[in-house]
Amino acid sequence: MLNNMSTSKMGKDILSQPSCVSKLLSLLLEPKLSPKMILTIIQLCHSALPLMSLEGFSHINLPRWSL
């Protein structure tokens, strides 16, 4: 269902928002994600990034990555 989000107009509008991409990136830091969920998040990011405007990239909040 989530992967089909990028095919509808409303889904594309949602995915093109910097807040959505920020949330997807922060979800990748969750410690107990299944491999399928990680793949879904990466696929959504792959669909979302080309939809964003150049200005939108400056509004993405990158999560703190620490190992």
C-alpha atoms as a PDB file:
ATOM      1  CA  MET A   1       0.000   0.000   0.000  1.00  0.00           C
ATOM      2  CA  LEU A   2       2.754   2.471   0.907  1.00  0.00           C
ATOM      3  CA  ASN A   3       4.674   1.786  -2.298  1.00  0.00           C
ATOM      4  CA  ASN A   4       1.552   2.557  -4.343  1.00  0.00           C
ATOM      5  CA  MET A   5       1.463   5.980  -2.714  1.00  0.00           C
ATOM      6  CA  SER A   6       3.862   7.342  -5.316  1.00  0.00           C
ATOM      7  CA  THR A   7       1.483   6.573  -8.174  1.00  0.00           C
ATOM      8  CA  SER A   8      -1.425   8.826  -7.147  1.00  0.00           C
ATOM      9  CA  LYS A   9      -1.487  12.628  -7.335  1.00  0.00           C
ATOM     10  CA  MET A  10      -2.199  12.958  -3.617  1.00  0.00           C
ATOM     11  CA  GLY A  11       0.586  10.498  -2.803  1.00  0.00           C
ATOM     12  CA  LYS A  12       3.050  12.438  -4.938  1.00  0.00           C
ATOM     13  CA  ASP A  13       2.000  15.676  -3.243  1.00  0.00           C
ATOM     14  CA  ILE A  14       2.605  14.129   0.173  1.00  0.00           C
ATOM     15  CA  LEU A  15       5.930  12.554  -0.773  1.00  0.00           C
ATOM     16  CA  SER A  16       7.222  15.823  -2.250  1.00  0.00           C
ATOM     17  CA  GLN A  17       6.966  17.564   1.129  1.00  0.00           C
ATOM     18  CA  PRO A  18      10.250  18.039   3.021  1.00  0.00           C
ATOM     19  CA  SER A  19       8.543  17.003   6.270  1.00  0.00           C
ATOM     20  CA  CYS A  20       7.632  13.633   4.741  1.00  0.00           C
ATOM     21  CA  VAL A  21      11.187  12.969   3.568  1.00  0.00           C
ATOM     22  CA  SER A  22      12.498  14.063   6.983  1.00  0.00           C
ATOM     23  CA  LYS A  23      10.173  11.583   8.675  1.00  0.00           C
ATOM     24  CA  LEU A  24      11.175   8.768   6.327  1.00  0.00           C
ATOM     25  CA  LEU A  25      14.854   9.391   7.053  1.00  0.00           C
ATOM     26  CA  SER A  26      14.239   9.435  10.799  1.00  0.00           C
ATOM     27  CA  LEU A  27      12.310   6.162  10.558  1.00  0.00           C
ATOM     28  CA  LEU A  28      15.430   4.499   9.156  1.00  0.00           C
ATOM     29  CA  LEU A  29      17.051   5.007  12.564  1.00  0.00           C
ATOM     30  CA  GLU A  30      14.479   2.902  14.374  1.00  0.00           C
ATOM     31  CA  PRO A  31      16.362  -0.024  15.898  1.00  0.00           C
ATOM     32  CA  LYS A  32      13.858  -2.836  15.330  1.00  0.00           C
ATOM     33  CA  LEU A  33      12.727  -2.373  11.762  1.00  0.00           C
ATOM     34  CA  SER A  34      12.174  -5.436   9.652  1.00  0.00           C
ATOM     35  CA  PRO A  35      14.144  -5.729   6.413  1.00  0.00           C
ATOM     36  CA  LYS A  36      10.867  -5.328   4.487  1.00  0.00           C
ATOM     37  CA  MET A  37      10.081  -2.066   6.283  1.00  0.00           C
ATOM     38  CA  ILE A  38      13.596  -0.755   5.593  1.00  0.00           C
ATOM     39  CA  LEU A  39      13.155  -1.612   1.920  1.00  0.00           C
ATOM     40  CA  THR A  40       9.769   0.144   1.825  1.00  0.00           C
ATOM     41  CA  ILE A  41      11.210   3.299   3.403  1.00  0.00           C
ATOM     42  CA  ILE A  42      14.113   3.324   0.936  1.00  0.00           C
ATOM     43  CA  GLN A  43      11.732   2.834  -1.997  1.00  0.00           C
ATOM     44  CA  LEU A  44       9.578   5.723  -0.787  1.00  0.00           C
ATOM     45  CA  CYS A  45      12.652   7.947  -0.464  1.00  0.00           C
ATOM     46  CA  HIS A  46      13.685   6.886  -3.961  1.00  0.00           C
ATOM     47  CA  SER A  47      10.273   8.001  -5.238  1.00  0.00           C
ATOM     48  CA  ALA A  48      10.069  11.140  -3.115  1.00  0.00           C
ATOM     49  CA  LEU A  49      13.410  12.806  -3.782  1.00  0.00           C
ATOM     50  CA  PRO A  50      12.894  13.383  -7.539  1.00  0.00           C
ATOM     51  CA  LEU A  51       9.467  14.914  -6.788  1.00  0.00           C
ATOM     52  CA  MET A  52      10.882  17.605  -4.522  1.00  0.00           C
ATOM     53  CA  SER A  53      11.700  21.131  -5.577  1.00  0.00           C
ATOM     54  CA  LEU A  54      15.263  22.399  -5.210  1.00  0.00           C
ATOM     55  CA  GLU A  55      14.079  24.743  -2.463  1.00  0.00           C
ATOM     56  CA  GLY A  56      12.518  21.828  -0.596  1.00  0.00           C
ATOM     57  CA  PHE A  57      15.878  20.152  -0.077  1.00  0.00           C
ATOM     58  CA  SER A  58      16.999  22.970   2.213  1.00  0.00           C
ATOM     59  CA  HIS A  59      14.008  22.235   4.464  1.00  0.00           C
ATOM     60  CA  ILE A  60      14.785  18.560   5.038  1.00  0.00           C
ATOM     61  CA  ASN A  61      15.764  17.863   8.633  1.00  0.00           C
ATOM     62  CA  LEU A  62      18.436  15.214   8.673  1.00  0.00           C
ATOM     63  CA  PRO A  63      18.347  13.024  11.770  1.00  0.00           C
ATOM     64  CA  ARG A  64      21.426  12.638  13.916  1.00  0.00           C
ATOM     65  CA  TRP A  65      23.218   9.476  12.871  1.00  0.00           C
ATOM     66  CA  SER A  66      25.376   7.845  15.471  1.00  0.00           C
ATOM     67  CA  LEU A  67      26.802   4.365  15.697  1.00  0.00           C
END
